[in-house]
Amino acid sequence: MSTCDELNSKNLEAQADCEMAAFLKAATELLGASGRHRAADTWRQTMESLDWPEEDYRKFFRFVSILAISQLVECRFGKRAASKRGNRDRTGWLPILQTAH
């Protein structure tokens, strides 16, 4: 089991750090190293824009990642490309996000 898997709900900062690290790994594969700063800003802004749950923060942070990567894909490939199933499969971002942890 990885350190991220062993975290409990009382250690929110560490949970957020683990999820953000996984997100940045996936985003870097999508955007390249030059897009890492924009990806980190998008993740933080997305997290700050949502209402926090009372429990299950790990799912919350994963939801933040999904919303943030969706925003980045939309900006990078345009709304039409991001919404087409075939194009989503070609970019490969969804499998990367799911396994980045």
N, C-alpha and C. Protein backbone atom coordinates (compact mmCIF):
# COMPACT_ATOMS: atom_id res chain seq x y z
N MET A 1 0.83 -1.18 0.00
CA MET A 1 0.00 0.00 0.00
C MET A 1 0.88 1.25 0.00
N SER A 2 0.51 2.24 -0.82
CA SER A 2 1.30 3.47 -0.88
C SER A 2 0.94 4.38 0.28
N THR A 3 1.78 5.37 0.49
CA THR A 3 1.53 6.33 1.56
C THR A 3 0.20 7.03 1.34
N CYS A 4 -0.13 7.36 0.09
CA CYS A 4 -1.40 8.03 -0.20
C CYS A 4 -2.58 7.17 0.19
N ASP A 5 -2.49 5.86 0.02
CA ASP A 5 -3.59 4.97 0.37
C ASP A 5 -3.78 4.86 1.88
N GLU A 6 -2.74 5.11 2.64
CA GLU A 6 -2.79 4.94 4.08
C GLU A 6 -3.28 6.19 4.83
N LEU A 7 -3.46 7.29 4.12
CA LEU A 7 -3.86 8.53 4.78
C LEU A 7 -5.27 8.44 5.33
N ASN A 8 -5.49 9.09 6.45
CA ASN A 8 -6.84 9.13 6.99
C ASN A 8 -7.44 10.51 6.79
N SER A 9 -8.70 10.66 7.08
CA SER A 9 -9.40 11.92 6.80
C SER A 9 -8.92 13.09 7.64
N LYS A 10 -8.15 12.84 8.67
CA LYS A 10 -7.65 13.93 9.51
C LYS A 10 -6.43 14.61 8.89
N ASN A 11 -5.87 14.02 7.88
CA ASN A 11 -4.67 14.57 7.26
C ASN A 11 -5.02 15.10 5.87
N LEU A 12 -5.86 16.12 5.83
CA LEU A 12 -6.38 16.66 4.57
C LEU A 12 -5.28 17.20 3.66
N GLU A 13 -4.34 17.88 4.23
CA GLU A 13 -3.27 18.47 3.41
C GLU A 13 -2.49 17.39 2.68
N ALA A 14 -2.16 16.32 3.36
CA ALA A 14 -1.42 15.23 2.73
C ALA A 14 -2.27 14.55 1.65
N GLN A 15 -3.58 14.38 1.91
CA GLN A 15 -4.46 13.79 0.90
C GLN A 15 -4.52 14.67 -0.34
N ALA A 16 -4.67 15.97 -0.11
CA ALA A 16 -4.71 16.91 -1.24
C ALA A 16 -3.40 16.87 -2.01
N ASP A 17 -2.28 16.83 -1.30
CA ASP A 17 -0.97 16.77 -1.96
C ASP A 17 -0.82 15.52 -2.81
N CYS A 18 -1.25 14.38 -2.28
CA CYS A 18 -1.16 13.13 -3.04
C CYS A 18 -2.01 13.18 -4.30
N GLU A 19 -3.23 13.67 -4.18
CA GLU A 19 -4.11 13.75 -5.35
C GLU A 19 -3.58 14.75 -6.36
N MET A 20 -3.10 15.89 -5.87
CA MET A 20 -2.58 16.89 -6.79
C MET A 20 -1.34 16.37 -7.52
N ALA A 21 -0.50 15.62 -6.83
CA ALA A 21 0.68 15.03 -7.48
C ALA A 21 0.26 14.07 -8.59
N ALA A 22 -0.73 13.24 -8.33
CA ALA A 22 -1.23 12.32 -9.35
C ALA A 22 -1.83 13.10 -10.52
N PHE A 23 -2.57 14.15 -10.19
CA PHE A 23 -3.17 15.00 -11.22
C PHE A 23 -2.08 15.65 -12.08
N LEU A 24 -1.06 16.20 -11.45
CA LEU A 24 0.01 16.87 -12.20
C LEU A 24 0.76 15.89 -13.10
N LYS A 25 0.92 14.67 -12.65
CA LYS A 25 1.55 13.65 -13.49
C LYS A 25 0.71 13.42 -14.75
N ALA A 26 -0.60 13.28 -14.58
CA ALA A 26 -1.48 13.07 -15.73
C ALA A 26 -1.53 14.31 -16.62
N ALA A 27 -1.61 15.48 -16.01
CA ALA A 27 -1.69 16.72 -16.77
C ALA A 27 -0.41 16.97 -17.56
N THR A 28 0.73 16.62 -16.99
CA THR A 28 2.00 16.78 -17.69
C THR A 28 2.06 15.89 -18.92
N GLU A 29 1.49 14.69 -18.83
CA GLU A 29 1.43 13.81 -20.00
C GLU A 29 0.56 14.43 -21.09
N LEU A 30 -0.46 15.15 -20.69
CA LEU A 30 -1.37 15.78 -21.64
C LEU A 30 -0.80 17.08 -22.19
N LEU A 31 -0.27 17.94 -21.31
CA LEU A 31 0.13 19.29 -21.68
C LEU A 31 1.63 19.48 -21.85
N GLY A 32 2.41 18.55 -21.36
CA GLY A 32 3.85 18.73 -21.36
C GLY A 32 4.29 19.50 -20.13
N ALA A 33 5.58 19.54 -19.92
CA ALA A 33 6.13 20.20 -18.72
C ALA A 33 5.78 21.68 -18.67
N SER A 34 5.66 22.31 -19.82
CA SER A 34 5.36 23.75 -19.84
C SER A 34 3.96 24.07 -19.33
N GLY A 35 3.05 23.09 -19.32
CA GLY A 35 1.69 23.32 -18.86
C GLY A 35 1.48 22.97 -17.40
N ARG A 36 2.52 22.54 -16.71
CA ARG A 36 2.39 22.10 -15.32
C ARG A 36 1.90 23.22 -14.39
N HIS A 37 2.42 24.42 -14.55
CA HIS A 37 2.02 25.54 -13.69
C HIS A 37 0.53 25.86 -13.90
N ARG A 38 0.11 25.89 -15.15
CA ARG A 38 -1.30 26.15 -15.45
C ARG A 38 -2.18 25.05 -14.88
N ALA A 39 -1.71 23.81 -14.97
CA ALA A 39 -2.47 22.68 -14.42
C ALA A 39 -2.62 22.80 -12.91
N ALA A 40 -1.54 23.16 -12.22
CA ALA A 40 -1.59 23.31 -10.76
C ALA A 40 -2.55 24.43 -10.38
N ASP A 41 -2.51 25.54 -11.10
CA ASP A 41 -3.43 26.64 -10.82
C ASP A 41 -4.88 26.22 -11.05
N THR A 42 -5.12 25.49 -12.12
CA THR A 42 -6.47 25.03 -12.42
C THR A 42 -6.97 24.11 -11.33
N TRP A 43 -6.12 23.20 -10.85
CA TRP A 43 -6.52 22.28 -9.79
C TRP A 43 -6.89 23.04 -8.52
N ARG A 44 -6.03 23.98 -8.12
CA ARG A 44 -6.29 24.76 -6.90
C ARG A 44 -7.57 25.58 -7.03
N GLN A 45 -7.74 26.25 -8.16
CA GLN A 45 -8.94 27.07 -8.36
C GLN A 45 -10.20 26.20 -8.35
N THR A 46 -10.12 25.04 -8.95
CA THR A 46 -11.26 24.13 -8.95
C THR A 46 -11.60 23.70 -7.54
N MET A 47 -10.59 23.33 -6.77
CA MET A 47 -10.81 22.90 -5.39
C MET A 47 -11.46 24.02 -4.58
N GLU A 48 -10.98 25.24 -4.75
CA GLU A 48 -11.50 26.36 -3.99
C GLU A 48 -12.92 26.74 -4.41
N SER A 49 -13.32 26.36 -5.60
CA SER A 49 -14.65 26.74 -6.09
C SER A 49 -15.75 25.79 -5.64
N LEU A 50 -15.39 24.66 -5.07
CA LEU A 50 -16.37 23.65 -4.69
C LEU A 50 -16.69 23.69 -3.19
N ASP A 51 -17.88 23.23 -2.86
CA ASP A 51 -18.23 23.04 -1.46
C ASP A 51 -17.58 21.76 -0.96
N TRP A 52 -16.98 21.83 0.20
CA TRP A 52 -16.29 20.67 0.76
C TRP A 52 -17.29 19.72 1.40
N PRO A 53 -17.08 18.43 1.22
CA PRO A 53 -17.95 17.46 1.88
C PRO A 53 -17.59 17.35 3.36
N GLU A 54 -18.45 16.72 4.10
CA GLU A 54 -18.16 16.51 5.52
C GLU A 54 -17.29 15.29 5.75
N GLU A 55 -17.21 14.41 4.76
CA GLU A 55 -16.36 13.22 4.86
C GLU A 55 -15.97 12.76 3.46
N ASP A 56 -15.19 11.72 3.39
CA ASP A 56 -14.70 11.13 2.15
C ASP A 56 -13.97 12.15 1.27
N TYR A 57 -12.94 12.72 1.83
CA TYR A 57 -12.17 13.74 1.14
C TYR A 57 -11.40 13.18 -0.04
N ARG A 58 -11.03 11.92 0.04
CA ARG A 58 -10.30 11.32 -1.07
C ARG A 58 -11.14 11.37 -2.34
N LYS A 59 -12.42 11.04 -2.26
CA LYS A 59 -13.30 11.15 -3.42
C LYS A 59 -13.45 12.60 -3.86
N PHE A 60 -13.52 13.49 -2.89
CA PHE A 60 -13.63 14.91 -3.22
C PHE A 60 -12.42 15.37 -4.02
N PHE A 61 -11.22 15.02 -3.55
CA PHE A 61 -10.01 15.45 -4.27
C PHE A 61 -9.93 14.81 -5.65
N ARG A 62 -10.39 13.57 -5.79
CA ARG A 62 -10.42 12.94 -7.11
C ARG A 62 -11.40 13.67 -8.02
N PHE A 63 -12.55 14.09 -7.47
CA PHE A 63 -13.52 14.86 -8.23
C PHE A 63 -12.91 16.18 -8.70
N VAL A 64 -12.14 16.82 -7.84
CA VAL A 64 -11.43 18.05 -8.22
C VAL A 64 -10.53 17.77 -9.42
N SER A 65 -9.80 16.67 -9.37
CA SER A 65 -8.91 16.32 -10.48
C SER A 65 -9.67 16.10 -11.78
N ILE A 66 -10.79 15.41 -11.69
CA ILE A 66 -11.58 15.14 -12.89
C ILE A 66 -12.10 16.44 -13.49
N LEU A 67 -12.62 17.32 -12.66
CA LEU A 67 -13.10 18.61 -13.16
C LEU A 67 -11.97 19.45 -13.75
N ALA A 68 -10.84 19.47 -13.07
CA ALA A 68 -9.71 20.28 -13.52
C ALA A 68 -9.15 19.76 -14.85
N ILE A 69 -8.99 18.45 -14.97
CA ILE A 69 -8.44 17.92 -16.23
C ILE A 69 -9.43 18.13 -17.36
N SER A 70 -10.72 18.09 -17.05
CA SER A 70 -11.74 18.37 -18.07
C SER A 70 -11.61 19.80 -18.58
N GLN A 71 -11.37 20.72 -17.66
CA GLN A 71 -11.19 22.12 -18.06
C GLN A 71 -9.95 22.29 -18.92
N LEU A 72 -8.87 21.63 -18.55
CA LEU A 72 -7.64 21.73 -19.32
C LEU A 72 -7.79 21.12 -20.71
N VAL A 73 -8.46 19.99 -20.79
CA VAL A 73 -8.69 19.34 -22.08
C VAL A 73 -9.55 20.24 -22.96
N GLU A 74 -10.57 20.83 -22.37
CA GLU A 74 -11.45 21.72 -23.12
C GLU A 74 -10.67 22.91 -23.67
N CYS A 75 -9.81 23.49 -22.85
CA CYS A 75 -8.99 24.62 -23.30
C CYS A 75 -8.00 24.20 -24.37
N ARG A 76 -7.41 23.05 -24.21
CA ARG A 76 -6.37 22.59 -25.14
C ARG A 76 -6.93 22.12 -26.47
N PHE A 77 -8.01 21.36 -26.44
CA PHE A 77 -8.53 20.74 -27.65
C PHE A 77 -9.84 21.33 -28.12
N GLY A 78 -10.41 22.25 -27.37
CA GLY A 78 -11.68 22.85 -27.74
C GLY A 78 -12.85 22.02 -27.26
N LYS A 79 -13.98 22.68 -27.11
CA LYS A 79 -15.16 22.00 -26.58
C LYS A 79 -15.59 20.83 -27.44
N ARG A 80 -15.55 20.98 -28.75
CA ARG A 80 -16.01 19.91 -29.63
C ARG A 80 -15.11 18.69 -29.52
N ALA A 81 -13.80 18.89 -29.51
CA ALA A 81 -12.88 17.77 -29.44
C ALA A 81 -12.97 17.06 -28.10
N ALA A 82 -13.12 17.81 -27.01
CA ALA A 82 -13.17 17.21 -25.68
C ALA A 82 -14.44 16.39 -25.48
N SER A 83 -15.50 16.74 -26.19
CA SER A 83 -16.76 16.03 -25.97
C SER A 83 -16.93 14.81 -26.87
N LYS A 84 -16.10 14.67 -27.89
CA LYS A 84 -16.21 13.51 -28.78
C LYS A 84 -15.49 12.32 -28.17
N ARG A 85 -16.17 11.22 -28.06
CA ARG A 85 -15.59 10.02 -27.45
C ARG A 85 -14.32 9.58 -28.15
N GLY A 86 -14.30 9.55 -29.45
CA GLY A 86 -13.12 9.12 -30.19
C GLY A 86 -11.91 9.98 -29.90
N ASN A 87 -12.07 11.29 -29.85
CA ASN A 87 -10.95 12.16 -29.55
C ASN A 87 -10.47 12.00 -28.13
N ARG A 88 -11.39 11.77 -27.21
CA ARG A 88 -11.00 11.56 -25.82
C ARG A 88 -10.12 10.32 -25.71
N ASP A 89 -10.48 9.27 -26.43
CA ASP A 89 -9.69 8.05 -26.40
C ASP A 89 -8.30 8.28 -26.99
N ARG A 90 -8.22 9.08 -28.04
CA ARG A 90 -6.91 9.32 -28.66
C ARG A 90 -5.99 10.13 -27.77
N THR A 91 -6.52 11.06 -27.00
CA THR A 91 -5.63 11.84 -26.14
C THR A 91 -5.09 10.99 -25.00
N GLY A 92 -5.83 9.98 -24.60
CA GLY A 92 -5.35 9.07 -23.57
C GLY A 92 -5.38 9.63 -22.16
N TRP A 93 -6.02 10.75 -21.93
CA TRP A 93 -5.95 11.36 -20.59
C TRP A 93 -6.77 10.63 -19.56
N LEU A 94 -7.89 10.05 -19.93
CA LEU A 94 -8.74 9.41 -18.92
C LEU A 94 -8.05 8.20 -18.28
N PRO A 95 -7.46 7.29 -19.04
CA PRO A 95 -6.75 6.17 -18.38
C PRO A 95 -5.59 6.64 -17.51
N ILE A 96 -4.90 7.68 -17.93
CA ILE A 96 -3.78 8.21 -17.14
C ILE A 96 -4.29 8.74 -15.81
N LEU A 97 -5.38 9.48 -15.83
CA LEU A 97 -5.93 10.04 -14.60
C LEU A 97 -6.39 8.94 -13.65
N GLN A 98 -7.01 7.90 -14.20
CA GLN A 98 -7.52 6.83 -13.36
C GLN A 98 -6.42 6.03 -12.69
N THR A 99 -5.26 5.93 -13.31
CA THR A 99 -4.19 5.09 -12.75
C THR A 99 -3.03 5.88 -12.19
N ALA A 100 -3.11 7.19 -12.16
CA ALA A 100 -1.97 8.01 -11.74
C ALA A 100 -1.66 7.90 -10.27
N HIS A 101 -2.56 7.42 -9.46
CA HIS A 101 -2.33 7.31 -8.02
C HIS A 101 -1.36 6.23 -7.71
